[in-house]
Amino acid sequence: MTTSPHPWRVLREGSPAGGRPPGCVLAVDFGRSRSEAGFPELTVHLDPAYTVLETVPPALGVHDRRALSPETYTRGWAEALARRAEPVHAVLGYCMGAPLARAVAAGLAAHQASAPTVVLFDPELPGPETLLAQFAASVESLADELTGQEQEDALRHGREALDTRGPAALAAALADRYRDLALLAFTRAELGSELAAEAADRFDRYLAYLLAGAGTAASPSSPPHVAVTSATPGGAARYAERVRTFDVPRQDLLRHPGVGRALSELLRAPAQSPLPEKA
């Protein structure tokens, strides 16, 4: 059963006039943040004129057991791609989306005539410590409306949950505590409970997305892939067959024109276009 009526969004339609190549490019990401560039920025610099689709995670939070299974994500995306009846030429993954991108690519390789090229940007491997780090960053984003004691209590609660609970229970505890803090902070800022609920729902879904990625069964080196990294590369880049490093901040990696050019080279002729170790 497809978990979302819109499992991907079209970032760019291919251009027949530009010699549109067969197949499309699938980009796996949770979605845009306020500071980091995303795949919409990368497609501006991409050539040739592939159609680029970006995955839409299902609107499920950590209290829904379906949200903790990687198949919940990959199955819905695969079903939508099958209806499109167009092969996937490449699968891209960003940061914490790398494990799900690899899982999608592995599934496509088993059903297409040829395996897609896999390119991961600052790839990470999410785990329990990642959940706590994301919680800490989200609490910090509310700092203007929370007292120092409230922030300290929240982080102590997170550390205790990390030490005493399994990943699913940890995520549920962090999501619930953030929901309380968001309501408190947004009320103090006179922004209203609806906006607080939206922020809490997004954080809840993001924790579920991280848990699903952590639950993928494949080795982090499978399928073979290329890593494209910023000045602060993701911890999973070491599992790539080849690495291309750009001396730019992580938040700017996907908007850098050179990254678009490097990806374009891979898409045109990956076997004949080896990437140097450094940009």
Foldseek 3Di string as FASTA:
>chain_A
DAQDPDFKDWLAAFDVVLVEDFAAEEEEDADDDPQADDQSLLVVLADDRGTYIYGHAHLDFLVDVLLLALCNNLVNVVVVVVVVVTQHQEYEYEALRLLSSLVNQVVSCVPDPHGHAYEYELYAQFDLVNLLVVLLVLLVVLVVQDDPVLSVVLSVQLVVCSVPHHLSSSLVSSLVSQLVVLCNSCVSVVNDNVVSVVVSSSSRSVSSSSSNSNPRDDDLLPPAHEYEYECDGHPSNVSHPAYEYYDDDRSCQSNDSVNNVLVNQCSVPVVPDGHDRYD
